[in-house]
Amino acid sequence: MNQPSRRDRLKPLELLVLSAVMSLFVGLVVLFTTRELLLAVIFFGVAFIVSLVVLAMFALSIKPNDLEQHEIDDEDKPATH
């Protein structure tokens, strides 16, 4: 079987890190404006979940170009020996 490429294996990690960075920004903005730690943690958590879902939906909505679609079709065909 074909092993996924390194880029394919790291894609979920990229989504998690980008979501964490965006939610950290939101959490820090809330912390500096309200000076309430609990409220900042709540906003951090909500922003993390929302940004993760939005980024995952964007990743799923990308349509492969003709070359990628050809490779996908070739992988789906049964191998003949």
PDB file of N, CA and C in Angstrom:
ATOM      1  N   MET A   1       0.837  -1.184   0.000  1.00  0.00           N
ATOM      2  CA  MET A   1       0.000   0.000   0.000  1.00  0.00           C
ATOM      3  C   MET A   1       0.875   1.237   0.000  1.00  0.00           C
ATOM      4  N   ASN A   2       0.327   2.287  -0.551  1.00  0.00           N
ATOM      5  CA  ASN A   2       1.037   3.562  -0.581  1.00  0.00           C
ATOM      6  C   ASN A   2       0.908   4.252   0.763  1.00  0.00           C
ATOM      7  N   GLN A   3       2.037   4.750   1.243  1.00  0.00           N
ATOM      8  CA  GLN A   3       2.032   5.509   2.488  1.00  0.00           C
ATOM      9  C   GLN A   3       1.677   6.961   2.172  1.00  0.00           C
ATOM     10  N   PRO A   4       0.924   7.625   3.048  1.00  0.00           N
ATOM     11  CA  PRO A   4       0.630   9.048   2.800  1.00  0.00           C
ATOM     12  C   PRO A   4       1.916   9.864   2.873  1.00  0.00           C
ATOM     13  N   SER A   5       1.941  10.934   2.107  1.00  0.00           N
ATOM     14  CA  SER A   5       3.128  11.780   2.103  1.00  0.00           C
ATOM     15  C   SER A   5       3.257  12.511   3.439  1.00  0.00           C
ATOM     16  N   ARG A   6       4.422  13.064   3.655  1.00  0.00           N
ATOM     17  CA  ARG A   6       4.661  13.785   4.904  1.00  0.00           C
ATOM     18  C   ARG A   6       3.708  14.970   5.026  1.00  0.00           C
ATOM     19  N   ARG A   7       3.454  15.638   3.891  1.00  0.00           N
ATOM     20  CA  ARG A   7       2.536  16.767   3.893  1.00  0.00           C
ATOM     21  C   ARG A   7       1.131  16.325   4.292  1.00  0.00           C
ATOM     22  N   ASP A   8       0.691  15.177   3.785  1.00  0.00           N
ATOM     23  CA  ASP A   8      -0.638  14.666   4.133  1.00  0.00           C
ATOM     24  C   ASP A   8      -0.725  14.294   5.611  1.00  0.00           C
ATOM     25  N   ARG A   9       0.366  13.766   6.153  1.00  0.00           N
ATOM     26  CA  ARG A   9       0.357  13.384   7.569  1.00  0.00           C
ATOM     27  C   ARG A   9       0.384  14.595   8.490  1.00  0.00           C
ATOM     28  N   LEU A  10       1.001  15.694   8.068  1.00  0.00           N
ATOM     29  CA  LEU A  10       1.114  16.875   8.919  1.00  0.00           C
ATOM     30  C   LEU A  10      -0.049  17.846   8.757  1.00  0.00           C
ATOM     31  N   LYS A  11      -0.944  17.599   7.809  1.00  0.00           N
ATOM     32  CA  LYS A  11      -2.068  18.511   7.570  1.00  0.00           C
ATOM     33  C   LYS A  11      -2.928  18.713   8.824  1.00  0.00           C
ATOM     34  N   PRO A  12      -3.306  17.661   9.554  1.00  0.00           N
ATOM     35  CA  PRO A  12      -4.094  17.896  10.780  1.00  0.00           C
ATOM     36  C   PRO A  12      -3.339  18.721  11.822  1.00  0.00           C
ATOM     37  N   LEU A  13      -2.038  18.504  11.912  1.00  0.00           N
ATOM     38  CA  LEU A  13      -1.240  19.282  12.863  1.00  0.00           C
ATOM     39  C   LEU A  13      -1.208  20.756  12.472  1.00  0.00           C
ATOM     40  N   GLU A  14      -1.121  21.024  11.170  1.00  0.00           N
ATOM     41  CA  GLU A  14      -1.143  22.406  10.700  1.00  0.00           C
ATOM     42  C   GLU A  14      -2.462  23.086  11.067  1.00  0.00           C
ATOM     43  N   LEU A  15      -3.558  22.374  10.907  1.00  0.00           N
ATOM     44  CA  LEU A  15      -4.864  22.940  11.256  1.00  0.00           C
ATOM     45  C   LEU A  15      -4.962  23.226  12.750  1.00  0.00           C
ATOM     46  N   LEU A  16      -4.461  22.318  13.573  1.00  0.00           N
ATOM     47  CA  LEU A  16      -4.506  22.518  15.019  1.00  0.00           C
ATOM     48  C   LEU A  16      -3.650  23.708  15.453  1.00  0.00           C
ATOM     49  N   VAL A  17      -2.445  23.820  14.888  1.00  0.00           N
ATOM     50  CA  VAL A  17      -1.546  24.911  15.278  1.00  0.00           C
ATOM     51  C   VAL A  17      -2.118  26.254  14.836  1.00  0.00           C
ATOM     52  N   LEU A  18      -2.634  26.325  13.614  1.00  0.00           N
ATOM     53  CA  LEU A  18      -3.208  27.581  13.133  1.00  0.00           C
ATOM     54  C   LEU A  18      -4.427  27.980  13.962  1.00  0.00           C
ATOM     55  N   SER A  19      -5.249  27.017  14.335  1.00  0.00           N
ATOM     56  CA  SER A  19      -6.406  27.305  15.191  1.00  0.00           C
ATOM     57  C   SER A  19      -5.959  27.770  16.570  1.00  0.00           C
ATOM     58  N   ALA A  20      -4.916  27.152  17.094  1.00  0.00           N
ATOM     59  CA  ALA A  20      -4.413  27.554  18.411  1.00  0.00           C
ATOM     60  C   ALA A  20      -3.864  28.977  18.386  1.00  0.00           C
ATOM     61  N   VAL A  21      -3.173  29.347  17.309  1.00  0.00           N
ATOM     62  CA  VAL A  21      -2.618  30.694  17.205  1.00  0.00           C
ATOM     63  C   VAL A  21      -3.740  31.724  17.125  1.00  0.00           C
ATOM     64  N   MET A  22      -4.747  31.441  16.306  1.00  0.00           N
ATOM     65  CA  MET A  22      -5.863  32.394  16.184  1.00  0.00           C
ATOM     66  C   MET A  22      -6.622  32.519  17.499  1.00  0.00           C
ATOM     67  N   SER A  23      -6.853  31.406  18.177  1.00  0.00           N
ATOM     68  CA  SER A  23      -7.600  31.468  19.428  1.00  0.00           C
ATOM     69  C   SER A  23      -6.760  32.092  20.547  1.00  0.00           C
ATOM     70  N   LEU A  24      -5.452  31.915  20.490  1.00  0.00           N
ATOM     71  CA  LEU A  24      -4.584  32.582  21.464  1.00  0.00           C
ATOM     72  C   LEU A  24      -4.674  34.096  21.306  1.00  0.00           C
ATOM     73  N   PHE A  25      -4.710  34.568  20.073  1.00  0.00           N
ATOM     74  CA  PHE A  25      -4.876  36.000  19.817  1.00  0.00           C
ATOM     75  C   PHE A  25      -6.191  36.499  20.409  1.00  0.00           C
ATOM     76  N   VAL A  26      -7.275  35.757  20.170  1.00  0.00           N
ATOM     77  CA  VAL A  26      -8.584  36.159  20.712  1.00  0.00           C
ATOM     78  C   VAL A  26      -8.543  36.158  22.239  1.00  0.00           C
ATOM     79  N   GLY A  27      -7.968  35.109  22.815  1.00  0.00           N
ATOM     80  CA  GLY A  27      -7.884  35.024  24.272  1.00  0.00           C
ATOM     81  C   GLY A  27      -7.080  36.163  24.877  1.00  0.00           C
ATOM     82  N   LEU A  28      -5.963  36.524  24.233  1.00  0.00           N
ATOM     83  CA  LEU A  28      -5.147  37.618  24.752  1.00  0.00           C
ATOM     84  C   LEU A  28      -5.850  38.968  24.621  1.00  0.00           C
ATOM     85  N   VAL A  29      -6.559  39.169  23.514  1.00  0.00           N
ATOM     86  CA  VAL A  29      -7.295  40.420  23.349  1.00  0.00           C
ATOM     87  C   VAL A  29      -8.360  40.552  24.442  1.00  0.00           C
ATOM     88  N   VAL A  30      -9.078  39.468  24.710  1.00  0.00           N
ATOM     89  CA  VAL A  30     -10.114  39.505  25.752  1.00  0.00           C
ATOM     90  C   VAL A  30      -9.473  39.708  27.125  1.00  0.00           C
ATOM     91  N   LEU A  31      -8.339  39.046  27.369  1.00  0.00           N
ATOM     92  CA  LEU A  31      -7.660  39.186  28.659  1.00  0.00           C
ATOM     93  C   LEU A  31      -7.180  40.616  28.877  1.00  0.00           C
ATOM     94  N   PHE A  32      -6.589  41.233  27.854  1.00  0.00           N
ATOM     95  CA  PHE A  32      -6.069  42.586  28.014  1.00  0.00           C
ATOM     96  C   PHE A  32      -7.174  43.634  28.109  1.00  0.00           C
ATOM     97  N   THR A  33      -8.327  43.357  27.494  1.00  0.00           N
ATOM     98  CA  THR A  33      -9.394  44.355  27.546  1.00  0.00           C
ATOM     99  C   THR A  33     -10.252  44.228  28.792  1.00  0.00           C
ATOM    100  N   THR A  34     -10.513  43.000  29.248  1.00  0.00           N
ATOM    101  CA  THR A  34     -11.386  42.828  30.409  1.00  0.00           C
ATOM    102  C   THR A  34     -10.616  42.533  31.690  1.00  0.00           C
ATOM    103  N   ARG A  35      -9.400  42.042  31.567  1.00  0.00           N
ATOM    104  CA  ARG A  35      -8.566  41.633  32.705  1.00  0.00           C
ATOM    105  C   ARG A  35      -9.222  40.548  33.556  1.00  0.00           C
ATOM    106  N   GLU A  36     -10.047  39.730  32.923  1.00  0.00           N
ATOM    107  CA  GLU A  36     -10.662  38.582  33.607  1.00  0.00           C
ATOM    108  C   GLU A  36     -10.152  37.312  32.950  1.00  0.00           C
ATOM    109  N   LEU A  37      -9.414  36.517  33.732  1.00  0.00           N
ATOM    110  CA  LEU A  37      -8.786  35.314  33.207  1.00  0.00           C
ATOM    111  C   LEU A  37      -9.815  34.274  32.774  1.00  0.00           C
ATOM    112  N   LEU A  38     -10.857  34.072  33.559  1.00  0.00           N
ATOM    113  CA  LEU A  38     -11.861  33.071  33.228  1.00  0.00           C
ATOM    114  C   LEU A  38     -12.565  33.397  31.916  1.00  0.00           C
ATOM    115  N   LEU A  39     -12.899  34.639  31.713  1.00  0.00           N
ATOM    116  CA  LEU A  39     -13.549  35.053  30.467  1.00  0.00           C
ATOM    117  C   LEU A  39     -12.603  34.857  29.277  1.00  0.00           C
ATOM    118  N   ALA A  40     -11.327  35.142  29.474  1.00  0.00           N
ATOM    119  CA  ALA A  40     -10.346  34.962  28.403  1.00  0.00           C
ATOM    120  C   ALA A  40     -10.195  33.484  28.052  1.00  0.00           C
ATOM    121  N   VAL A  41     -10.208  32.621  29.044  1.00  0.00           N
ATOM    122  CA  VAL A  41     -10.105  31.176  28.793  1.00  0.00           C
ATOM    123  C   VAL A  41     -11.341  30.670  28.048  1.00  0.00           C
ATOM    124  N   ILE A  42     -12.499  31.164  28.404  1.00  0.00           N
ATOM    125  CA  ILE A  42     -13.732  30.764  27.718  1.00  0.00           C
ATOM    126  C   ILE A  42     -13.685  31.200  26.257  1.00  0.00           C
ATOM    127  N   PHE A  43     -13.284  32.445  26.016  1.00  0.00           N
ATOM    128  CA  PHE A  43     -13.187  32.935  24.638  1.00  0.00           C
ATOM    129  C   PHE A  43     -12.122  32.180  23.859  1.00  0.00           C
ATOM    130  N   PHE A  44     -11.012  31.833  24.522  1.00  0.00           N
ATOM    131  CA  PHE A  44      -9.974  31.036  23.876  1.00  0.00           C
ATOM    132  C   PHE A  44     -10.537  29.694  23.413  1.00  0.00           C
ATOM    133  N   GLY A  45     -11.261  29.020  24.281  1.00  0.00           N
ATOM    134  CA  GLY A  45     -11.830  27.714  23.938  1.00  0.00           C
ATOM    135  C   GLY A  45     -12.848  27.799  22.811  1.00  0.00           C
ATOM    136  N   VAL A  46     -13.713  28.780  22.891  1.00  0.00           N
ATOM    137  CA  VAL A  46     -14.729  28.944  21.843  1.00  0.00           C
ATOM    138  C   VAL A  46     -14.065  29.300  20.515  1.00  0.00           C
ATOM    139  N   ALA A  47     -13.095  30.193  20.545  1.00  0.00           N
ATOM    140  CA  ALA A  47     -12.404  30.587  19.314  1.00  0.00           C
ATOM    141  C   ALA A  47     -11.618  29.422  18.727  1.00  0.00           C
ATOM    142  N   PHE A  48     -11.039  28.577  19.577  1.00  0.00           N
ATOM    143  CA  PHE A  48     -10.302  27.411  19.092  1.00  0.00           C
ATOM    144  C   PHE A  48     -11.224  26.455  18.352  1.00  0.00           C
ATOM    145  N   ILE A  49     -12.359  26.152  18.940  1.00  0.00           N
ATOM    146  CA  ILE A  49     -13.298  25.221  18.316  1.00  0.00           C
ATOM    147  C   ILE A  49     -13.854  25.795  17.018  1.00  0.00           C
ATOM    148  N   VAL A  50     -14.260  27.057  17.049  1.00  0.00           N
ATOM    149  CA  VAL A  50     -14.833  27.674  15.848  1.00  0.00           C
ATOM    150  C   VAL A  50     -13.797  27.759  14.734  1.00  0.00           C
ATOM    151  N   SER A  51     -12.589  28.197  15.040  1.00  0.00           N
ATOM    152  CA  SER A  51     -11.570  28.315  13.993  1.00  0.00           C
ATOM    153  C   SER A  51     -11.165  26.948  13.454  1.00  0.00           C
ATOM    154  N   LEU A  52     -11.137  25.930  14.305  1.00  0.00           N
ATOM    155  CA  LEU A  52     -10.804  24.582  13.835  1.00  0.00           C
ATOM    156  C   LEU A  52     -11.865  24.054  12.882  1.00  0.00           C
ATOM    157  N   VAL A  53     -13.116  24.253  13.214  1.00  0.00           N
ATOM    158  CA  VAL A  53     -14.205  23.796  12.346  1.00  0.00           C
ATOM    159  C   VAL A  53     -14.195  24.558  11.023  1.00  0.00           C
ATOM    160  N   VAL A  54     -13.998  25.868  11.074  1.00  0.00           N
ATOM    161  CA  VAL A  54     -13.990  26.669   9.846  1.00  0.00           C
ATOM    162  C   VAL A  54     -12.814  26.276   8.950  1.00  0.00           C
ATOM    163  N   LEU A  55     -11.627  26.108   9.513  1.00  0.00           N
ATOM    164  CA  LEU A  55     -10.475  25.707   8.712  1.00  0.00           C
ATOM    165  C   LEU A  55     -10.656  24.316   8.115  1.00  0.00           C
ATOM    166  N   ALA A  56     -11.245  23.411   8.881  1.00  0.00           N
ATOM    167  CA  ALA A  56     -11.488  22.068   8.358  1.00  0.00           C
ATOM    168  C   ALA A  56     -12.504  22.097   7.216  1.00  0.00           C
ATOM    169  N   MET A  57     -13.512  22.931   7.339  1.00  0.00           N
ATOM    170  CA  MET A  57     -14.487  23.053   6.245  1.00  0.00           C
ATOM    171  C   MET A  57     -13.846  23.659   5.000  1.00  0.00           C
ATOM    172  N   PHE A  58     -12.964  24.638   5.176  1.00  0.00           N
ATOM    173  CA  PHE A  58     -12.243  25.196   4.029  1.00  0.00           C
ATOM    174  C   PHE A  58     -11.359  24.141   3.377  1.00  0.00           C
ATOM    175  N   ALA A  59     -10.691  23.321   4.201  1.00  0.00           N
ATOM    176  CA  ALA A  59      -9.820  22.276   3.653  1.00  0.00           C
ATOM    177  C   ALA A  59     -10.632  21.242   2.879  1.00  0.00           C
ATOM    178  N   LEU A  60     -11.824  20.941   3.333  1.00  0.00           N
ATOM    179  CA  LEU A  60     -12.666  19.976   2.628  1.00  0.00           C
ATOM    180  C   LEU A  60     -13.278  20.548   1.361  1.00  0.00           C
ATOM    181  N   SER A  61     -13.428  21.845   1.297  1.00  0.00           N
ATOM    182  CA  SER A  61     -14.107  22.452   0.152  1.00  0.00           C
ATOM    183  C   SER A  61     -13.189  22.718  -1.031  1.00  0.00           C
ATOM    184  N   ILE A  62     -11.890  22.538  -0.852  1.00  0.00           N
ATOM    185  CA  ILE A  62     -10.961  22.795  -1.950  1.00  0.00           C
ATOM    186  C   ILE A  62     -11.113  21.697  -2.993  1.00  0.00           C
ATOM    187  N   LYS A  63     -11.369  22.105  -4.214  1.00  0.00           N
ATOM    188  CA  LYS A  63     -11.548  21.165  -5.316  1.00  0.00           C
ATOM    189  C   LYS A  63     -10.184  20.866  -5.936  1.00  0.00           C
ATOM    190  N   PRO A  64      -9.857  19.587  -6.122  1.00  0.00           N
ATOM    191  CA  PRO A  64      -8.565  19.268  -6.726  1.00  0.00           C
ATOM    192  C   PRO A  64      -8.521  19.691  -8.191  1.00  0.00           C
ATOM    193  N   ASN A  65      -7.322  20.107  -8.661  1.00  0.00           N
ATOM    194  CA  ASN A  65      -7.189  20.482 -10.062  1.00  0.00           C
ATOM    195  C   ASN A  65      -7.124  19.223 -10.930  1.00  0.00           C
ATOM    196  N   ASP A  66      -6.964  19.391 -12.231  1.00  0.00           N
ATOM    197  CA  ASP A  66      -7.016  18.247 -13.146  1.00  0.00           C
ATOM    198  C   ASP A  66      -5.928  17.214 -12.867  1.00  0.00           C
ATOM    199  N   LEU A  67      -4.706  17.668 -12.581  1.00  0.00           N
ATOM    200  CA  LEU A  67      -3.619  16.735 -12.301  1.00  0.00           C
ATOM    201  C   LEU A  67      -3.893  15.937 -11.026  1.00  0.00           C
ATOM    202  N   GLU A  68      -4.337  16.622  -9.967  1.00  0.00           N
ATOM    203  CA  GLU A  68      -4.653  15.926  -8.719  1.00  0.00           C
ATOM    204  C   GLU A  68      -5.811  14.954  -8.913  1.00  0.00           C
ATOM    205  N   GLN A  69      -6.821  15.349  -9.665  1.00  0.00           N
ATOM    206  CA  GLN A  69      -7.961  14.470  -9.903  1.00  0.00           C
ATOM    207  C   GLN A  69      -7.530  13.234 -10.683  1.00  0.00           C
ATOM    208  N   HIS A  70      -6.609  13.399 -11.621  1.00  0.00           N
ATOM    209  CA  HIS A  70      -6.103  12.259 -12.387  1.00  0.00           C
ATOM    210  C   HIS A  70      -5.368  11.286 -11.473  1.00  0.00           C
ATOM    211  N   GLU A  71      -4.557  11.816 -10.541  1.00  0.00           N
ATOM    212  CA  GLU A  71      -3.842  10.962  -9.596  1.00  0.00           C
ATOM    213  C   GLU A  71      -4.808  10.242  -8.662  1.00  0.00           C
ATOM    214  N   ILE A  72      -5.852  10.929  -8.235  1.00  0.00           N
ATOM    215  CA  ILE A  72      -6.853  10.307  -7.362  1.00  0.00           C
ATOM    216  C   ILE A  72      -7.551   9.175  -8.101  1.00  0.00           C
ATOM    217  N   ASP A  73      -7.899   9.416  -9.362  1.00  0.00           N
ATOM    218  CA  ASP A  73      -8.560   8.377 -10.153  1.00  0.00           C
ATOM    219  C   ASP A  73      -7.648   7.189 -10.375  1.00  0.00           C
ATOM    220  N   ASP A  74      -6.351   7.426 -10.596  1.00  0.00           N
ATOM    221  CA  ASP A  74      -5.404   6.325 -10.789  1.00  0.00           C
ATOM    222  C   ASP A  74      -5.255   5.483  -9.523  1.00  0.00           C
ATOM    223  N   GLU A  75      -5.288   6.118  -8.360  1.00  0.00           N
ATOM    224  CA  GLU A  75      -5.178   5.380  -7.105  1.00  0.00           C
ATOM    225  C   GLU A  75      -6.404   4.530  -6.834  1.00  0.00           C
ATOM    226  N   ASP A  76      -7.563   4.989  -7.281  1.00  0.00           N
ATOM    227  CA  ASP A  76      -8.798   4.258  -7.032  1.00  0.00           C
ATOM    228  C   ASP A  76      -8.975   3.049  -7.921  1.00  0.00           C
ATOM    229  N   LYS A  77      -8.277   3.003  -9.034  1.00  0.00           N
ATOM    230  CA  LYS A  77      -8.396   1.858  -9.949  1.00  0.00           C
ATOM    231  C   LYS A  77      -7.681   0.651  -9.341  1.00  0.00           C
ATOM    232  N   PRO A  78      -8.259  -0.543  -9.502  1.00  0.00           N
ATOM    233  CA  PRO A  78      -7.581  -1.742  -8.969  1.00  0.00           C
ATOM    234  C   PRO A  78      -6.318  -2.028  -9.795  1.00  0.00           C
ATOM    235  N   ALA A  79      -5.297  -2.431  -9.095  1.00  0.00           N
ATOM    236  CA  ALA A  79      -4.018  -2.719  -9.756  1.00  0.00           C
ATOM    237  C   ALA A  79      -4.102  -4.060 -10.474  1.00  0.00           C
ATOM    238  N   THR A  80      -3.639  -4.087 -11.717  1.00  0.00           N
ATOM    239  CA  THR A  80      -3.600  -5.331 -12.465  1.00  0.00           C
ATOM    240  C   THR A  80      -2.161  -5.776 -12.601  1.00  0.00           C
ATOM    241  N   HIS A  81      -1.927  -7.023 -12.293  1.00  0.00           N
ATOM    242  CA  HIS A  81      -0.554  -7.539 -12.335  1.00  0.00           C
ATOM    243  C   HIS A  81      -0.329  -8.333 -13.551  1.00  0.00           C
TER     244      HIS A  81
END
